Amino acid sequence: MNRKDFGLLVLILVVGTVVAIINPRFLSPVNLSNTANLIGLFGIFALGQAFVIISGGIELSVGSVIALLGVIFVDFVAGGTVPPGAAFVIVVLLGCLIGLVHGLLITRVGLQPFVVTLCGLLIYRGVARYYTDDATAGFPFGASFPTLEWLVAGRFYGVPHSLIAFVVLTVVMALVLHRSVYGRHLFAVGNNEEAARHSGIDTSRVIVTAYVICCGLTAVAAIFIAMYTRSISPSSHGSFYELYAIAAAVLGGCSLRGGEGSVLGVVLGTVLLQVLQNLVNLLGIPSSLNFAVMGSVILVGVIADRQFSRRRSLKVAAAE
């Protein structure tokens, strides 16, 4: 655990302690279980966003992808046209395909990540609304899918399966990012893409893979969220979720310049965000201020990142 992660952990403990003192309901089993569930749901796609940010890019279409893939999954399962297991695989593959298209547009066509993913944000939201004729997608009254519901929305001794899935994916992504050749190449590309290319790294493949991982994990999250909400309004479902992912990654030490970040940091960033959201709810702060809190968190994270980078640069210059 580096200094940033340790500082974030201390901040989580301090905020959690203060909230628990002000409102003891924070430590109630129901509240902790619900918070754990949200950490799992939001943490899955925040992990994917971290890979893209470390590569030096950004993925702004996360919320719209969750809306589109969510309505597709619900339509497949509720309509009975596709078995739940096959629907899961198809939706994840569609997510990976979206990531592949984004990556190719950035590396082969030479478009900016901001432009590609901003267009994706608009396109996928529009397609989701057209797919449902702008109506709410949901399961028919009385419809039940016991196995699917238990696997995706169930609990194991009180622990939400979404959190368990998040933990498993965290371990896998940590191995990929910190214990593999691909992870080292990803950091190199994020630090200096031109230098990485001259050193023999296939930078295009690394960047495309980062977007595939991001959208693939977003597809998994879309399924969990769809089963959690049970109904999806394509005009609003997943709105601003990309901000949650970016905020979690930035708070976790991922630099928006690329080349920095850790999986543990993203996990801690996700936990802090959900604790802050819980604080807003328990303290009776108007929910309309949620996005103000989110924007402030991102701003503070970027300022802190800039200050850390400046101090590090000064130390390196002094050592030379």
Protein backbone atom coordinates (compact mmCIF):
# COMPACT_ATOMS: atom_id res chain seq x y z
CA MET A 1 0.00 0.00 0.00
CA ASN A 2 1.50 3.33 -1.09
CA ARG A 3 1.14 6.65 0.69
CA LYS A 4 -1.86 7.75 -1.38
CA ASP A 5 -3.79 4.56 -0.67
CA PHE A 6 -2.97 4.71 3.03
CA GLY A 7 -4.15 8.33 3.21
CA LEU A 8 -7.38 7.37 1.44
CA LEU A 9 -7.96 4.50 3.87
CA VAL A 10 -7.48 6.84 6.84
CA LEU A 11 -9.93 9.32 5.28
CA ILE A 12 -12.54 6.57 4.84
CA LEU A 13 -12.17 5.53 8.48
CA VAL A 14 -12.42 9.14 9.69
CA VAL A 15 -15.49 9.92 7.59
CA GLY A 16 -17.13 6.63 8.56
CA THR A 17 -16.46 7.27 12.26
CA VAL A 18 -17.88 10.79 12.11
CA VAL A 19 -21.03 9.62 10.30
CA ALA A 20 -21.49 6.74 12.77
CA ILE A 21 -21.23 9.16 15.71
CA ILE A 22 -23.71 11.60 14.18
CA ASN A 23 -26.14 8.89 13.06
CA PRO A 24 -25.73 5.39 14.57
CA ARG A 25 -27.89 3.95 11.77
CA PHE A 26 -24.76 4.03 9.63
CA LEU A 27 -23.57 0.86 11.40
CA SER A 28 -26.89 -0.97 11.19
CA PRO A 29 -26.71 -4.31 9.34
CA VAL A 30 -29.26 -3.18 6.75
CA ASN A 31 -27.40 0.02 5.95
CA LEU A 32 -24.01 -1.71 5.79
CA SER A 33 -25.45 -4.41 3.52
CA ASN A 34 -27.00 -1.85 1.17
CA THR A 35 -23.79 0.17 1.08
CA ALA A 36 -21.77 -2.97 0.35
CA ASN A 37 -24.14 -3.79 -2.51
CA LEU A 38 -23.67 -0.33 -4.04
CA ILE A 39 -19.89 -0.59 -3.63
CA GLY A 40 -19.99 -3.80 -5.64
CA LEU A 41 -22.28 -2.40 -8.35
CA PHE A 42 -20.31 0.81 -8.90
CA GLY A 43 -16.91 -0.69 -8.23
CA ILE A 44 -17.11 -3.14 -11.15
CA PHE A 45 -17.29 -0.48 -13.85
CA ALA A 46 -14.96 1.86 -11.92
CA LEU A 47 -12.25 -0.81 -12.30
CA GLY A 48 -12.71 -0.70 -16.06
CA GLN A 49 -12.56 3.10 -16.14
CA ALA A 50 -9.24 2.94 -14.28
CA PHE A 51 -7.63 0.90 -17.06
CA VAL A 52 -8.64 3.48 -19.66
CA ILE A 53 -7.46 6.42 -17.53
CA ILE A 54 -4.12 4.75 -16.87
CA SER A 55 -3.71 4.37 -20.65
CA GLY A 56 -4.10 8.14 -20.95
CA GLY A 57 -7.69 8.03 -22.23
CA ILE A 58 -11.19 8.56 -20.89
CA GLU A 59 -14.47 6.65 -21.24
CA LEU A 60 -17.50 8.96 -21.08
CA SER A 61 -20.11 6.54 -22.41
CA VAL A 62 -20.23 4.27 -19.35
CA GLY A 63 -23.70 5.36 -18.23
CA SER A 64 -25.20 5.05 -21.71
CA VAL A 65 -23.61 1.63 -22.21
CA ILE A 66 -25.16 0.50 -18.92
CA ALA A 67 -28.56 1.74 -20.11
CA LEU A 68 -28.34 0.10 -23.55
CA LEU A 69 -26.96 -3.25 -22.41
CA GLY A 70 -29.33 -3.27 -19.45
CA VAL A 71 -32.44 -3.00 -21.61
CA ILE A 72 -31.07 -5.61 -24.01
CA PHE A 73 -30.45 -8.04 -21.14
CA VAL A 74 -33.89 -7.44 -19.63
CA ASP A 75 -35.53 -7.88 -23.04
CA PHE A 76 -33.70 -11.15 -23.67
CA VAL A 77 -34.53 -12.61 -20.25
CA ALA A 78 -38.04 -11.23 -19.77
CA GLY A 79 -39.06 -12.18 -23.30
CA GLY A 80 -37.79 -15.72 -22.84
CA THR A 81 -36.09 -15.60 -26.24
CA VAL A 82 -32.63 -16.26 -24.79
CA PRO A 83 -31.69 -18.33 -21.71
CA PRO A 84 -30.28 -16.16 -18.89
CA GLY A 85 -26.79 -17.69 -19.16
CA ALA A 86 -26.62 -17.08 -22.90
CA ALA A 87 -28.02 -13.56 -22.41
CA PHE A 88 -25.22 -12.84 -19.92
CA VAL A 89 -22.56 -13.98 -22.39
CA ILE A 90 -24.11 -12.06 -25.30
CA VAL A 91 -24.34 -8.81 -23.32
CA VAL A 92 -20.73 -9.07 -22.11
CA LEU A 93 -19.58 -9.75 -25.68
CA LEU A 94 -21.55 -6.73 -26.88
CA GLY A 95 -19.78 -4.65 -24.24
CA CYS A 96 -16.40 -5.91 -25.41
CA LEU A 97 -17.40 -5.12 -29.01
CA ILE A 98 -18.25 -1.54 -28.04
CA GLY A 99 -14.85 -1.23 -26.36
CA LEU A 100 -13.16 -2.66 -29.45
CA VAL A 101 -14.87 -0.09 -31.69
CA HIS A 102 -13.85 2.74 -29.37
CA GLY A 103 -10.27 1.53 -29.24
CA LEU A 104 -10.00 1.17 -33.03
CA LEU A 105 -11.48 4.63 -33.64
CA ILE A 106 -8.86 6.08 -31.29
CA THR A 107 -5.83 4.11 -32.50
CA ARG A 108 -6.58 3.49 -36.18
CA VAL A 109 -8.63 6.52 -37.15
CA GLY A 110 -6.76 8.86 -34.81
CA LEU A 111 -9.77 10.37 -33.02
CA GLN A 112 -9.50 11.79 -29.52
CA PRO A 113 -10.84 9.55 -26.71
CA PHE A 114 -13.00 12.42 -25.46
CA VAL A 115 -14.70 12.81 -28.86
CA VAL A 116 -15.20 9.06 -29.44
CA THR A 117 -16.69 8.34 -26.04
CA LEU A 118 -18.77 11.53 -25.93
CA CYS A 119 -20.34 10.50 -29.23
CA GLY A 120 -20.84 7.02 -27.75
CA LEU A 121 -22.60 8.58 -24.76
CA LEU A 122 -25.15 10.17 -27.10
CA ILE A 123 -25.45 7.27 -29.56
CA TYR A 124 -25.99 4.47 -27.02
CA ARG A 125 -28.50 6.50 -25.01
CA GLY A 126 -30.45 7.23 -28.21
CA VAL A 127 -30.34 3.59 -29.32
CA ALA A 128 -31.55 2.45 -25.89
CA ARG A 129 -34.50 4.82 -26.09
CA TYR A 130 -35.31 3.71 -29.64
CA TYR A 131 -34.98 0.03 -28.69
CA THR A 132 -37.72 0.40 -26.05
CA ASP A 133 -39.70 3.07 -27.93
CA ASP A 134 -38.74 5.35 -25.02
CA ALA A 135 -40.71 3.15 -22.63
CA THR A 136 -39.55 1.59 -19.38
CA ALA A 137 -38.13 -1.90 -19.78
CA GLY A 138 -38.81 -4.35 -16.99
CA PHE A 139 -39.85 -7.85 -16.05
CA PRO A 140 -43.53 -8.83 -16.39
CA PHE A 141 -45.64 -8.84 -13.24
CA GLY A 142 -45.07 -12.04 -11.30
CA ALA A 143 -42.10 -13.10 -13.46
CA SER A 144 -39.46 -14.91 -11.46
CA PHE A 145 -36.00 -16.19 -12.31
CA PRO A 146 -34.83 -17.75 -9.03
CA THR A 147 -31.39 -18.94 -10.11
CA LEU A 148 -30.50 -15.74 -11.96
CA GLU A 149 -31.84 -13.54 -9.17
CA TRP A 150 -29.88 -15.46 -6.55
CA LEU A 151 -26.64 -15.39 -8.53
CA VAL A 152 -26.79 -11.70 -9.41
CA ALA A 153 -28.88 -10.05 -6.71
CA GLY A 154 -28.68 -12.56 -3.87
CA ARG A 155 -26.67 -12.59 -0.66
CA PHE A 156 -24.28 -15.10 0.86
CA TYR A 157 -24.55 -14.94 4.67
CA GLY A 158 -25.65 -11.32 4.30
CA VAL A 159 -22.85 -10.39 1.88
CA PRO A 160 -24.26 -9.17 -1.47
CA HIS A 161 -23.17 -11.20 -4.47
CA SER A 162 -22.38 -7.95 -6.26
CA LEU A 163 -19.68 -7.27 -3.66
CA ILE A 164 -18.33 -10.82 -3.99
CA ALA A 165 -18.17 -10.40 -7.79
CA PHE A 166 -16.39 -7.07 -7.28
CA VAL A 167 -13.82 -8.68 -4.99
CA VAL A 168 -13.17 -11.50 -7.48
CA LEU A 169 -12.81 -9.07 -10.38
CA THR A 170 -10.58 -6.86 -8.25
CA VAL A 171 -8.16 -9.75 -7.67
CA VAL A 172 -8.15 -10.64 -11.37
CA MET A 173 -7.65 -7.03 -12.49
CA ALA A 174 -4.91 -6.51 -9.88
CA LEU A 175 -3.01 -9.46 -11.33
CA VAL A 176 -3.49 -8.11 -14.86
CA LEU A 177 -2.44 -4.56 -13.97
CA HIS A 178 0.35 -5.18 -11.46
CA ARG A 179 1.65 -8.67 -12.21
CA SER A 180 1.59 -9.00 -15.98
CA VAL A 181 3.54 -7.79 -18.99
CA TYR A 182 0.38 -6.12 -20.29
CA GLY A 183 0.11 -4.10 -17.07
CA ARG A 184 3.67 -2.82 -17.42
CA HIS A 185 2.99 -1.91 -21.04
CA LEU A 186 -0.21 -0.08 -20.04
CA PHE A 187 1.66 2.11 -17.55
CA ALA A 188 4.37 2.76 -20.14
CA VAL A 189 1.83 3.83 -22.76
CA GLY A 190 0.10 6.09 -20.27
CA ASN A 191 3.34 7.73 -19.24
CA ASN A 192 4.63 8.37 -22.76
CA GLU A 193 2.95 6.71 -25.72
CA GLU A 194 5.62 7.80 -28.19
CA ALA A 195 8.48 6.49 -26.05
CA ALA A 196 6.59 3.22 -25.48
CA ARG A 197 6.14 2.81 -29.24
CA HIS A 198 9.84 3.36 -29.89
CA SER A 199 10.71 0.80 -27.21
CA GLY A 200 8.86 -1.88 -29.18
CA ILE A 201 5.48 -1.89 -27.41
CA ASP A 202 2.41 -2.35 -29.60
CA THR A 203 0.72 0.75 -28.22
CA SER A 204 -2.40 0.35 -30.36
CA ARG A 205 -3.05 -3.14 -29.03
CA VAL A 206 -2.53 -1.97 -25.44
CA ILE A 207 -4.98 0.93 -25.81
CA VAL A 208 -7.62 -1.13 -27.61
CA THR A 209 -7.38 -3.83 -24.92
CA ALA A 210 -7.88 -1.20 -22.20
CA TYR A 211 -11.16 -0.08 -23.80
CA VAL A 212 -12.30 -3.68 -24.30
CA ILE A 213 -11.63 -4.41 -20.61
CA CYS A 214 -13.45 -1.23 -19.59
CA CYS A 215 -16.59 -1.86 -21.63
CA GLY A 216 -16.56 -5.58 -20.82
CA LEU A 217 -16.61 -4.83 -17.09
CA THR A 218 -19.25 -2.17 -17.71
CA ALA A 219 -21.40 -4.84 -19.37
CA VAL A 220 -21.07 -7.06 -16.29
CA ALA A 221 -22.08 -4.11 -14.11
CA ALA A 222 -25.03 -3.39 -16.43
CA ILE A 223 -26.41 -6.89 -15.77
CA PHE A 224 -26.02 -6.60 -12.01
CA ILE A 225 -27.62 -3.14 -11.99
CA ALA A 226 -30.50 -4.29 -14.22
CA MET A 227 -31.31 -7.13 -11.81
CA TYR A 228 -30.96 -4.73 -8.87
CA THR A 229 -33.37 -2.11 -10.24
CA ARG A 230 -35.67 -4.65 -11.98
CA SER A 231 -36.78 -1.92 -14.39
CA ILE A 232 -34.92 0.45 -16.68
CA SER A 233 -35.97 3.85 -17.96
CA PRO A 234 -33.56 4.30 -20.90
CA SER A 235 -33.75 8.10 -20.75
CA SER A 236 -32.28 8.24 -17.23
CA HIS A 237 -30.90 4.82 -16.30
CA GLY A 238 -27.16 5.06 -15.66
CA SER A 239 -27.08 8.84 -16.08
CA PHE A 240 -23.80 10.35 -14.84
CA TYR A 241 -22.45 6.93 -13.84
CA GLU A 242 -19.31 7.80 -15.78
CA LEU A 243 -18.73 10.54 -13.19
CA TYR A 244 -18.81 7.98 -10.39
CA ALA A 245 -16.28 5.83 -12.24
CA ILE A 246 -13.97 8.76 -13.00
CA ALA A 247 -14.24 10.08 -9.46
CA ALA A 248 -13.44 6.67 -7.95
CA ALA A 249 -10.42 6.28 -10.23
CA VAL A 250 -9.11 9.81 -9.59
CA LEU A 251 -9.61 9.52 -5.84
CA GLY A 252 -7.80 6.19 -6.02
CA GLY A 253 -4.69 7.80 -7.45
CA CYS A 254 -5.27 7.42 -11.19
CA SER A 255 -3.85 10.49 -12.89
CA LEU A 256 -5.95 11.96 -15.70
CA ARG A 257 -2.65 12.45 -17.53
CA GLY A 258 -2.23 8.67 -17.59
CA GLY A 259 0.49 6.33 -16.41
CA GLU A 260 -0.49 6.24 -12.72
CA GLY A 261 -2.96 4.30 -10.62
CA SER A 262 -3.62 1.11 -8.71
CA VAL A 263 -6.48 -1.34 -8.32
CA LEU A 264 -6.41 -0.97 -4.54
CA GLY A 265 -6.73 2.79 -4.95
CA VAL A 266 -9.82 2.38 -7.15
CA VAL A 267 -11.40 0.08 -4.55
CA LEU A 268 -10.76 2.64 -1.81
CA GLY A 269 -12.03 5.45 -4.03
CA THR A 270 -15.26 3.53 -4.67
CA VAL A 271 -15.73 2.87 -0.96
CA LEU A 272 -15.17 6.56 -0.11
CA LEU A 273 -17.71 7.69 -2.70
CA GLN A 274 -20.39 5.35 -1.39
CA VAL A 275 -19.66 6.37 2.20
CA LEU A 276 -20.07 10.00 1.14
CA GLN A 277 -23.35 9.16 -0.62
CA ASN A 278 -24.51 7.39 2.52
CA LEU A 279 -23.52 10.45 4.54
CA VAL A 280 -25.70 12.63 2.30
CA ASN A 281 -28.68 10.33 2.85
CA LEU A 282 -28.28 9.80 6.59
CA LEU A 283 -27.64 13.45 7.42
CA GLY A 284 -30.70 14.58 5.50
CA ILE A 285 -28.73 16.61 2.96
CA PRO A 286 -30.94 17.28 -0.11
CA SER A 287 -30.37 14.62 -2.77
CA SER A 288 -30.20 17.42 -5.33
CA LEU A 289 -26.74 18.16 -3.95
CA ASN A 290 -25.43 14.67 -4.83
CA PHE A 291 -23.86 15.81 -8.06
CA ALA A 292 -22.42 18.90 -6.37
CA VAL A 293 -20.72 16.59 -3.88
CA MET A 294 -19.49 14.40 -6.76
CA GLY A 295 -18.09 17.36 -8.68
CA SER A 296 -16.35 18.66 -5.58
CA VAL A 297 -14.82 15.25 -4.93
CA ILE A 298 -13.42 15.06 -8.48
CA LEU A 299 -12.06 18.61 -8.21
CA VAL A 300 -10.35 17.89 -4.89
CA GLY A 301 -8.91 14.67 -6.30
CA VAL A 302 -7.46 16.43 -9.36
CA ILE A 303 -5.98 19.22 -7.22
CA ALA A 304 -4.44 16.67 -4.86
CA ASP A 305 -3.01 14.73 -7.80
CA ARG A 306 -1.46 17.91 -9.19
CA GLN A 307 0.10 18.78 -5.85
CA PHE A 308 1.54 15.27 -5.42
CA SER A 309 3.00 15.40 -8.94
CA ARG A 310 4.54 18.82 -8.31
CA ARG A 311 6.14 17.68 -5.06
CA ARG A 312 7.48 14.56 -6.74
CA SER A 313 8.96 16.63 -9.57
CA LEU A 314 10.63 18.97 -7.09
CA LYS A 315 12.13 16.03 -5.18
CA VAL A 316 13.49 14.52 -8.40
CA ALA A 317 14.96 17.87 -9.45
CA ALA A 318 16.55 18.34 -6.02
CA ALA A 319 18.06 14.84 -6.14
CA GLU A 320 19.66 15.58 -9.50
